[in-house]
C-alpha atoms as a PDB file:
ATOM      1  CA  MET A   1      -0.019  -0.021   0.027  1.00  0.00           C
ATOM      2  CA  GLN A   2       1.370   3.366  -1.003  1.00  0.00           C
ATOM      3  CA  VAL A   3       1.582   5.986   1.678  1.00  0.00           C
ATOM      4  CA  THR A   4       0.087   9.217   0.480  1.00  0.00           C
ATOM      5  CA  ARG A   5       0.095  12.552   2.249  1.00  0.00           C
ATOM      6  CA  ARG A   6      -3.667  12.220   2.843  1.00  0.00           C
ATOM      7  CA  ARG A   7      -3.376   8.711   4.311  1.00  0.00           C
ATOM      8  CA  PHE A   8      -0.427   9.774   6.534  1.00  0.00           C
ATOM      9  CA  LEU A   9      -2.354  12.808   7.856  1.00  0.00           C
ATOM     10  CA  THR A  10      -5.484  10.695   8.516  1.00  0.00           C
ATOM     11  CA  THR A  11      -3.467   8.072  10.443  1.00  0.00           C
ATOM     12  CA  ALA A  12      -1.502  10.716  12.397  1.00  0.00           C
ATOM     13  CA  ALA A  13      -4.681  12.564  13.351  1.00  0.00           C
ATOM     14  CA  ALA A  14      -6.213   9.303  14.731  1.00  0.00           C
ATOM     15  CA  ALA A  15      -3.036   8.540  16.695  1.00  0.00           C
ATOM     16  CA  VAL A  16      -3.009  12.003  18.256  1.00  0.00           C
ATOM     17  CA  ALA A  17      -6.746  11.835  19.138  1.00  0.00           C
ATOM     18  CA  ALA A  18      -6.609   8.386  20.748  1.00  0.00           C
ATOM     19  CA  PRO A  19      -4.924   9.449  24.017  1.00  0.00           C
ATOM     20  CA  ALA A  20      -7.438  12.260  24.430  1.00  0.00           C
ATOM     21  CA  PHE A  21     -10.295   9.836  23.908  1.00  0.00           C
ATOM     22  CA  VAL A  22      -8.924   7.280  26.370  1.00  0.00           C
ATOM     23  CA  GLY A  23      -8.770   9.995  29.103  1.00  0.00           C
ATOM     24  CA  ALA A  24     -12.076  11.511  28.114  1.00  0.00           C
ATOM     25  CA  THR A  25     -15.103  11.864  30.311  1.00  0.00           C
ATOM     26  CA  ASP A  26     -18.599  13.051  29.484  1.00  0.00           C
ATOM     27  CA  LYS A  27     -19.040  16.780  28.734  1.00  0.00           C
ATOM     28  CA  ALA A  28     -19.761  17.499  32.379  1.00  0.00           C
ATOM     29  CA  GLY A  29     -16.513  15.691  33.360  1.00  0.00           C
ATOM     30  CA  ARG A  30     -18.234  13.258  35.769  1.00  0.00           C
ATOM     31  CA  LYS A  31     -18.382   9.897  33.952  1.00  0.00           C
ATOM     32  CA  ALA A  32     -15.518   7.539  33.398  1.00  0.00           C
ATOM     33  CA  PRO A  33     -14.771   6.654  29.734  1.00  0.00           C
ATOM     34  CA  ILE A  34     -16.240   3.322  28.539  1.00  0.00           C
ATOM     35  CA  LEU A  35     -13.791   1.071  26.756  1.00  0.00           C
ATOM     36  CA  GLY A  36     -14.237  -2.229  24.897  1.00  0.00           C
ATOM     37  CA  GLN A  37     -16.810  -3.722  22.605  1.00  0.00           C
ATOM     38  CA  GLY A  38     -19.987  -5.820  22.805  1.00  0.00           C
ATOM     39  CA  GLU A  39     -20.337  -7.697  26.088  1.00  0.00           C
ATOM     40  CA  HIS A  40     -16.884  -6.642  27.132  1.00  0.00           C
ATOM     41  CA  ARG A  41     -17.394  -2.943  27.891  1.00  0.00           C
ATOM     42  CA  TYR A  42     -15.842  -1.402  30.997  1.00  0.00           C
ATOM     43  CA  ALA A  43     -15.606   1.930  32.692  1.00  0.00           C
ATOM     44  CA  ALA A  44     -11.939   3.070  33.022  1.00  0.00           C
ATOM     45  CA  ILE A  45     -11.739   4.393  36.570  1.00  0.00           C
ATOM     46  CA  HIS A  46      -8.260   5.832  36.921  1.00  0.00           C
ATOM     47  CA  ASP A  47      -6.552   5.606  40.343  1.00  0.00           C
ATOM     48  CA  TRP A  48      -9.134   3.151  41.621  1.00  0.00           C
ATOM     49  CA  GLY A  49      -8.123   1.418  44.825  1.00  0.00           C
ATOM     50  CA  GLU A  50      -6.574   3.008  47.907  1.00  0.00           C
ATOM     51  CA  LEU A  51      -3.018   1.806  47.766  1.00  0.00           C
ATOM     52  CA  PRO A  52      -1.034   2.152  51.019  1.00  0.00           C
ATOM     53  CA  ARG A  53       1.731   4.819  51.037  1.00  0.00           C
ATOM     54  CA  THR A  54       4.328   2.088  51.517  1.00  0.00           C
ATOM     55  CA  LEU A  55       3.465   0.205  48.291  1.00  0.00           C
ATOM     56  CA  LYS A  56       4.108   1.398  44.726  1.00  0.00           C
ATOM     57  CA  TYR A  57       2.934  -0.611  41.719  1.00  0.00           C
ATOM     58  CA  GLY A  58       5.418  -2.031  39.286  1.00  0.00           C
ATOM     59  CA  ASN A  59       4.134  -3.588  36.051  1.00  0.00           C
ATOM     60  CA  THR A  60       0.773  -5.168  36.577  1.00  0.00           C
ATOM     61  CA  HIS A  61       0.529  -8.714  35.180  1.00  0.00           C
ATOM     62  CA  GLY A  62      -2.825  -9.949  36.487  1.00  0.00           C
ATOM     63  CA  VAL A  63      -6.083  -8.798  37.917  1.00  0.00           C
ATOM     64  CA  CYS A  64      -9.020 -11.004  38.991  1.00  0.00           C
ATOM     65  CA  GLU A  65     -12.118 -10.895  41.186  1.00  0.00           C
ATOM     66  CA  ASP A  66     -13.272 -13.483  43.705  1.00  0.00           C
ATOM     67  CA  SER A  67     -16.852 -14.429  44.453  1.00  0.00           C
ATOM     68  CA  GLN A  68     -16.984 -11.865  47.283  1.00  0.00           C
ATOM     69  CA  GLY A  69     -16.069  -9.032  44.905  1.00  0.00           C
ATOM     70  CA  HIS A  70     -12.489  -8.689  46.201  1.00  0.00           C
ATOM     71  CA  ILE A  71     -10.005  -7.562  43.538  1.00  0.00           C
ATOM     72  CA  TYR A  72      -6.597  -9.145  43.393  1.00  0.00           C
ATOM     73  CA  VAL A  73      -3.766  -7.277  41.624  1.00  0.00           C
ATOM     74  CA  LEU A  74      -0.449  -9.029  40.894  1.00  0.00           C
ATOM     75  CA  HIS A  75       2.435  -6.695  40.051  1.00  0.00           C
ATOM     76  CA  THR A  76       6.256  -6.640  39.888  1.00  0.00           C
ATOM     77  CA  VAL A  77       6.763  -3.897  42.590  1.00  0.00           C
ATOM     78  CA  LEU A  78       8.309  -0.525  41.769  1.00  0.00           C
ATOM     79  CA  ALA A  79      11.987  -0.153  42.665  1.00  0.00           C
ATOM     80  CA  ASN A  80      11.398   2.563  45.279  1.00  0.00           C
ATOM     81  CA  SER A  81       8.422   0.854  47.005  1.00  0.00           C
ATOM     82  CA  ASP A  82       8.883   0.326  50.769  1.00  0.00           C
ATOM     83  CA  SER A  83       6.733  -2.775  50.666  1.00  0.00           C
ATOM     84  CA  LEU A  84       7.889  -5.691  48.484  1.00  0.00           C
ATOM     85  CA  ASP A  85       4.444  -7.343  48.387  1.00  0.00           C
ATOM     86  CA  THR A  86       3.451  -8.335  44.824  1.00  0.00           C
ATOM     87  CA  MET A  87      -0.239  -9.162  45.549  1.00  0.00           C
ATOM     88  CA  VAL A  88      -2.618  -6.412  46.596  1.00  0.00           C
ATOM     89  CA  VAL A  89      -6.203  -7.125  47.592  1.00  0.00           C
ATOM     90  CA  PHE A  90      -9.030  -4.555  47.584  1.00  0.00           C
ATOM     91  CA  ASP A  91     -12.661  -4.803  48.664  1.00  0.00           C
ATOM     92  CA  PRO A  92     -15.388  -4.039  46.076  1.00  0.00           C
ATOM     93  CA  LYS A  93     -15.290  -0.329  46.929  1.00  0.00           C
ATOM     94  CA  GLY A  94     -11.490  -0.109  46.350  1.00  0.00           C
ATOM     95  CA  ARG A  95     -10.424  -0.095  50.011  1.00  0.00           C
ATOM     96  CA  PHE A  96      -7.148  -1.847  50.730  1.00  0.00           C
ATOM     97  CA  VAL A  97      -7.671  -5.207  52.468  1.00  0.00           C
ATOM     98  CA  ARG A  98      -4.189  -6.800  52.558  1.00  0.00           C
ATOM     99  CA  SER A  99      -1.037  -7.503  50.543  1.00  0.00           C
ATOM    100  CA  TRP A 100       1.370 -10.413  50.391  1.00  0.00           C
ATOM    101  CA  GLY A 101       3.811 -12.193  48.101  1.00  0.00           C
ATOM    102  CA  ARG A 102       7.191 -10.496  48.645  1.00  0.00           C
ATOM    103  CA  GLN A 103       8.878 -13.754  47.500  1.00  0.00           C
ATOM    104  CA  PHE A 104       7.546 -13.137  43.951  1.00  0.00           C
ATOM    105  CA  LYS A 105       9.038  -9.585  43.612  1.00  0.00           C
ATOM    106  CA  GLY A 106      10.121  -8.871  40.046  1.00  0.00           C
ATOM    107  CA  GLY A 107       8.691 -12.077  38.590  1.00  0.00           C
ATOM    108  CA  ALA A 108       4.976 -11.576  38.482  1.00  0.00           C
ATOM    109  CA  HIS A 109       3.674 -12.645  35.112  1.00  0.00           C
ATOM    110  CA  GLY A 110       0.204 -14.214  35.364  1.00  0.00           C
ATOM    111  CA  LEU A 111      -2.743 -14.552  37.670  1.00  0.00           C
ATOM    112  CA  THR A 112      -5.808 -16.782  37.432  1.00  0.00           C
ATOM    113  CA  LEU A 113      -8.599 -17.489  39.921  1.00  0.00           C
ATOM    114  CA  GLY A 114      -9.940 -21.061  39.897  1.00  0.00           C
ATOM    115  CA  ARG A 115     -12.904 -22.521  41.687  1.00  0.00           C
ATOM    116  CA  GLU A 116     -12.984 -26.077  43.102  1.00  0.00           C
ATOM    117  CA  GLY A 117     -16.386 -26.771  44.611  1.00  0.00           C
ATOM    118  CA  SER A 118     -17.048 -23.945  47.036  1.00  0.00           C
ATOM    119  CA  GLU A 119     -13.341 -23.003  47.370  1.00  0.00           C
ATOM    120  CA  GLU A 120     -11.416 -20.478  45.354  1.00  0.00           C
ATOM    121  CA  PHE A 121      -7.689 -20.496  44.646  1.00  0.00           C
ATOM    122  CA  LEU A 122      -5.214 -18.164  43.013  1.00  0.00           C
ATOM    123  CA  TYR A 123      -2.702 -19.451  40.462  1.00  0.00           C
ATOM    124  CA  LEU A 124       0.390 -17.212  40.108  1.00  0.00           C
ATOM    125  CA  CYS A 125       3.128 -17.479  37.508  1.00  0.00           C
ATOM    126  CA  ASP A 126       6.601 -16.151  38.412  1.00  0.00           C
ATOM    127  CA  PHE A 127       8.954 -16.172  35.441  1.00  0.00           C
ATOM    128  CA  GLN A 128      11.969 -14.899  37.407  1.00  0.00           C
ATOM    129  CA  HIS A 129      11.847 -17.882  39.755  1.00  0.00           C
ATOM    130  CA  GLY A 130      10.480 -20.348  37.186  1.00  0.00           C
ATOM    131  CA  ILE A 131       7.420 -21.363  39.145  1.00  0.00           C
ATOM    132  CA  VAL A 132       3.654 -21.620  39.099  1.00  0.00           C
ATOM    133  CA  THR A 133       2.073 -21.707  42.513  1.00  0.00           C
ATOM    134  CA  LYS A 134      -1.459 -22.392  43.773  1.00  0.00           C
ATOM    135  CA  ARG A 135      -2.486 -20.281  46.808  1.00  0.00           C
ATOM    136  CA  THR A 136      -5.573 -19.763  48.977  1.00  0.00           C
ATOM    137  CA  LEU A 137      -7.124 -16.348  48.842  1.00  0.00           C
ATOM    138  CA  LYS A 138      -5.191 -15.641  52.091  1.00  0.00           C
ATOM    139  CA  ALA A 139      -1.833 -16.540  50.501  1.00  0.00           C
ATOM    140  CA  GLU A 140      -1.400 -20.012  51.974  1.00  0.00           C
ATOM    141  CA  GLU A 141       0.613 -22.285  49.611  1.00  0.00           C
ATOM    142  CA  VAL A 142      -1.287 -25.305  48.327  1.00  0.00           C
ATOM    143  CA  PHE A 143       1.392 -26.429  45.878  1.00  0.00           C
ATOM    144  CA  THR A 144       4.251 -25.003  43.783  1.00  0.00           C
ATOM    145  CA  LEU A 145       5.616 -26.357  40.496  1.00  0.00           C
ATOM    146  CA  GLY A 146       9.097 -25.551  39.285  1.00  0.00           C
END
């Protein structure tokens, strides 16, 4: 496909407008932007969750929700974070509940929640330590592979 001046300007204009759209709210500035398509549409609520002062997010590599509405965030931990905990748990309103997982610092790479009967478990992948581990929602180790 030949790049014409018109095609270049159209593409460049879309690229410049995209960041503004992602951060957009309604005209009154009160509604969060809605992202996604079809059944998978979500409100982007920036700075959701009351993170403790001692903890600073690194790269986030997994988010899931348990049956009680608690949100689990697995991250790599920012270099200047006082807390080394890689798992942060919030209640449905975004209030901090607990954190754990300092042994996974720097290696967080995947998070899945699985149900077995009435129990729920977290499966974490840590590429730096070469493991996959199954944990209770309170961080107790069930098993670790690798």
